[in-house]
Amino acid sequence: MPVEMLSYAELGERLKVSPEAARALVKRHRWPRTRANDGKALVQVDLTEINHSPISRPPQAQTGQQLVTALKQQIETLQAELTEMKVIASGYRGDFERECERTNKLLAELLKATTETMGAREKAALLEGKLSMMTQPWRRRLVDAFTLALPQVTSSARESTASPAN
């Protein structure tokens, strides 16, 4: 029963596992540990009593490398899609600018037409008023003219009589 003092790295080499796996094995079996002068943990192990067979797994570096290549391919795909979307967006931007210009022109035409319409309505109302005056008999027109002028005459007469009294 030869007992050896090994570090986790040395134990891992002997058992053909990683130092982390060796550390987990020591914890699991509760083997006694001590500290070396350099600060590393040393484990008292009887290698004849250990029945450990490591599980074969594919190397981690290859899996990591495959993951990196897969991610690089995904990045290339996304960059290609981004380029396509930029082309599409620039086309939409051109359409948007053309429609903005068209909308501004139509809005200017609408404002001009609205102004012309309002002027035409005012002129039509004025002409309707004149026409209605012309269709009345001359006596009625004379009375309307006096009734329109009468308030002006009475207000000016009041002003003239009120001025000397002050």
Protein backbone atom coordinates (compact mmCIF):
# COMPACT_ATOMS: atom_id res chain seq x y z
CA MET A 1 0.00 0.00 0.00
CA PRO A 2 2.32 2.79 -1.23
CA VAL A 3 0.80 6.20 -0.51
CA GLU A 4 1.92 9.07 -2.70
CA MET A 5 1.58 12.84 -2.28
CA LEU A 6 0.40 14.27 -5.61
CA SER A 7 -0.89 17.63 -6.79
CA TYR A 8 -4.13 17.81 -8.74
CA ALA A 9 -2.21 18.19 -12.01
CA GLU A 10 0.00 15.15 -11.30
CA LEU A 11 -3.01 13.07 -10.22
CA GLY A 12 -4.80 14.10 -13.39
CA GLU A 13 -1.84 12.97 -15.52
CA ARG A 14 -1.73 9.58 -13.82
CA LEU A 15 -5.46 9.02 -14.17
CA LYS A 16 -5.54 10.60 -17.67
CA VAL A 17 -8.10 13.23 -16.69
CA SER A 18 -8.00 17.01 -16.32
CA PRO A 19 -6.80 18.63 -13.07
CA GLU A 20 -10.37 19.79 -12.41
CA ALA A 21 -11.66 16.24 -12.74
CA ALA A 22 -8.90 15.03 -10.37
CA ARG A 23 -9.92 17.67 -7.84
CA ALA A 24 -13.58 16.58 -8.07
CA LEU A 25 -12.50 12.95 -7.58
CA VAL A 26 -10.51 13.88 -4.44
CA LYS A 27 -13.52 15.75 -3.05
CA ARG A 28 -15.85 12.85 -3.84
CA HIS A 29 -13.64 10.26 -2.10
CA ARG A 30 -12.67 12.66 0.72
CA TRP A 31 -9.00 11.89 0.46
CA PRO A 32 -6.76 13.81 2.86
CA ARG A 33 -5.21 17.01 1.53
CA THR A 34 -2.34 19.18 2.70
CA ARG A 35 -0.66 22.36 1.47
CA ALA A 36 2.80 22.33 -0.07
CA ASN A 37 5.37 25.10 0.48
CA ASP A 38 4.44 26.64 -2.89
CA GLY A 39 0.77 26.91 -1.86
CA LYS A 40 -0.54 24.05 -4.02
CA ALA A 41 -2.72 21.32 -2.56
CA LEU A 42 -1.21 17.86 -2.21
CA VAL A 43 -3.38 14.78 -1.94
CA GLN A 44 -2.47 11.50 -0.20
CA VAL A 45 -3.43 8.82 -2.70
CA ASP A 46 -2.95 5.05 -2.84
CA LEU A 47 -3.04 4.46 -6.59
CA THR A 48 -3.43 0.67 -6.19
CA GLU A 49 -6.84 1.14 -4.57
CA ILE A 50 -8.17 3.48 -7.24
CA ASN A 51 -10.39 1.85 -9.86
CA HIS A 52 -10.88 4.80 -12.13
CA SER A 53 -11.44 4.53 -15.85
CA PRO A 54 -11.93 7.87 -17.63
CA ILE A 55 -14.88 8.29 -19.96
CA SER A 56 -13.75 8.91 -23.47
CA ARG A 57 -15.12 12.14 -24.88
CA PRO A 58 -14.37 14.07 -28.01
CA PRO A 59 -11.76 16.74 -27.44
CA GLN A 60 -13.20 20.07 -26.30
CA ALA A 61 -11.01 22.06 -28.66
CA GLN A 62 -12.67 20.52 -31.71
CA THR A 63 -16.14 21.22 -30.38
CA GLY A 64 -15.13 24.79 -29.67
CA GLN A 65 -13.60 25.11 -33.13
CA GLN A 66 -16.77 23.76 -34.73
CA LEU A 67 -18.79 26.25 -32.75
CA VAL A 68 -16.56 29.09 -33.88
CA THR A 69 -16.83 28.08 -37.54
CA ALA A 70 -20.61 27.76 -37.23
CA LEU A 71 -20.80 31.22 -35.68
CA LYS A 72 -18.57 32.68 -38.40
CA GLN A 73 -20.85 31.19 -41.06
CA GLN A 74 -23.86 32.65 -39.26
CA ILE A 75 -22.16 36.06 -39.17
CA GLU A 76 -21.44 35.90 -42.90
CA THR A 77 -25.06 34.98 -43.59
CA LEU A 78 -26.32 37.87 -41.45
CA GLN A 79 -23.93 40.30 -43.13
CA ALA A 80 -25.19 39.21 -46.55
CA GLU A 81 -28.79 39.71 -45.39
CA LEU A 82 -27.87 43.11 -43.98
CA THR A 83 -26.42 44.15 -47.34
CA GLU A 84 -29.60 43.05 -49.11
CA MET A 85 -31.75 44.95 -46.59
CA LYS A 86 -29.67 48.11 -47.09
CA VAL A 87 -30.28 47.90 -50.86
CA ILE A 88 -34.01 47.44 -50.29
CA ALA A 89 -34.08 50.28 -47.73
CA SER A 90 -32.33 52.66 -50.14
CA GLY A 91 -35.01 51.88 -52.74
CA TYR A 92 -37.73 52.59 -50.19
CA ARG A 93 -35.96 55.79 -49.19
CA GLY A 94 -36.04 57.00 -52.81
CA ASP A 95 -39.75 56.18 -53.04
CA PHE A 96 -40.37 58.01 -49.77
CA GLU A 97 -38.57 61.14 -50.96
CA ARG A 98 -40.47 61.15 -54.27
CA GLU A 99 -43.78 60.80 -52.43
CA CYS A 100 -42.84 63.63 -50.05
CA GLU A 101 -42.13 65.92 -53.00
CA ARG A 102 -45.36 64.87 -54.68
CA THR A 103 -47.31 65.48 -51.47
CA ASN A 104 -45.79 68.94 -51.05
CA LYS A 105 -46.72 69.86 -54.65
CA LEU A 106 -50.28 68.60 -54.17
CA LEU A 107 -50.59 70.48 -50.89
CA ALA A 108 -49.44 73.72 -52.57
CA GLU A 109 -51.97 73.19 -55.38
CA LEU A 110 -54.69 72.51 -52.81
CA LEU A 111 -53.91 75.71 -50.91
CA LYS A 112 -53.91 77.71 -54.14
CA ALA A 113 -57.23 76.17 -55.20
CA THR A 114 -58.70 76.88 -51.76
CA THR A 115 -57.65 80.52 -51.98
CA GLU A 116 -59.13 80.85 -55.46
CA THR A 117 -62.35 79.18 -54.31
CA MET A 118 -62.72 81.53 -51.35
CA GLY A 119 -62.17 84.54 -53.65
CA ALA A 120 -64.70 83.21 -56.13
CA ARG A 121 -67.27 82.66 -53.37
CA GLU A 122 -66.82 86.21 -52.09
CA LYS A 123 -67.19 87.62 -55.59
CA ALA A 124 -70.26 85.46 -56.19
CA ALA A 125 -71.85 86.70 -52.95
CA LEU A 126 -71.13 90.30 -53.96
CA LEU A 127 -72.63 89.77 -57.40
CA GLU A 128 -75.69 88.06 -55.91
CA GLY A 129 -76.21 91.05 -53.65
CA LYS A 130 -75.98 93.44 -56.59
CA LEU A 131 -78.28 91.25 -58.67
CA SER A 132 -80.89 91.10 -55.93
CA MET A 133 -80.77 94.90 -55.73
CA MET A 134 -81.25 95.17 -59.50
CA THR A 135 -84.22 92.82 -59.59
CA GLN A 136 -86.16 94.89 -57.06
CA PRO A 137 -88.43 97.65 -58.27
CA TRP A 138 -86.90 101.12 -58.35
CA ARG A 139 -89.04 102.28 -55.43
CA ARG A 140 -87.81 99.50 -53.21
CA ARG A 141 -84.22 100.27 -54.17
CA LEU A 142 -84.75 103.91 -53.27
CA VAL A 143 -86.16 102.99 -49.85
CA ASP A 144 -83.26 100.58 -49.22
CA ALA A 145 -80.77 103.27 -50.17
CA PHE A 146 -82.35 105.73 -47.73
CA THR A 147 -82.56 103.18 -44.92
CA LEU A 148 -78.89 102.35 -45.43
CA ALA A 149 -77.96 106.03 -45.49
CA LEU A 150 -80.30 107.05 -42.65
CA PRO A 151 -78.24 105.56 -39.78
CA GLN A 152 -75.17 107.33 -41.11
CA VAL A 153 -77.02 110.65 -41.32
CA THR A 154 -78.47 110.33 -37.81
CA SER A 155 -75.14 109.35 -36.25
CA SER A 156 -73.34 112.26 -37.93
CA ALA A 157 -76.12 114.62 -36.81
CA ARG A 158 -75.77 113.41 -33.24
CA GLU A 159 -72.03 113.91 -33.36
CA SER A 160 -72.40 117.44 -34.72
CA THR A 161 -74.94 118.41 -32.06
CA ALA A 162 -72.87 116.82 -29.28
CA SER A 163 -69.64 118.60 -30.25
CA PRO A 164 -70.68 122.29 -29.68
CA ALA A 165 -72.34 121.45 -26.36
CA ASN A 166 -69.08 120.28 -24.84
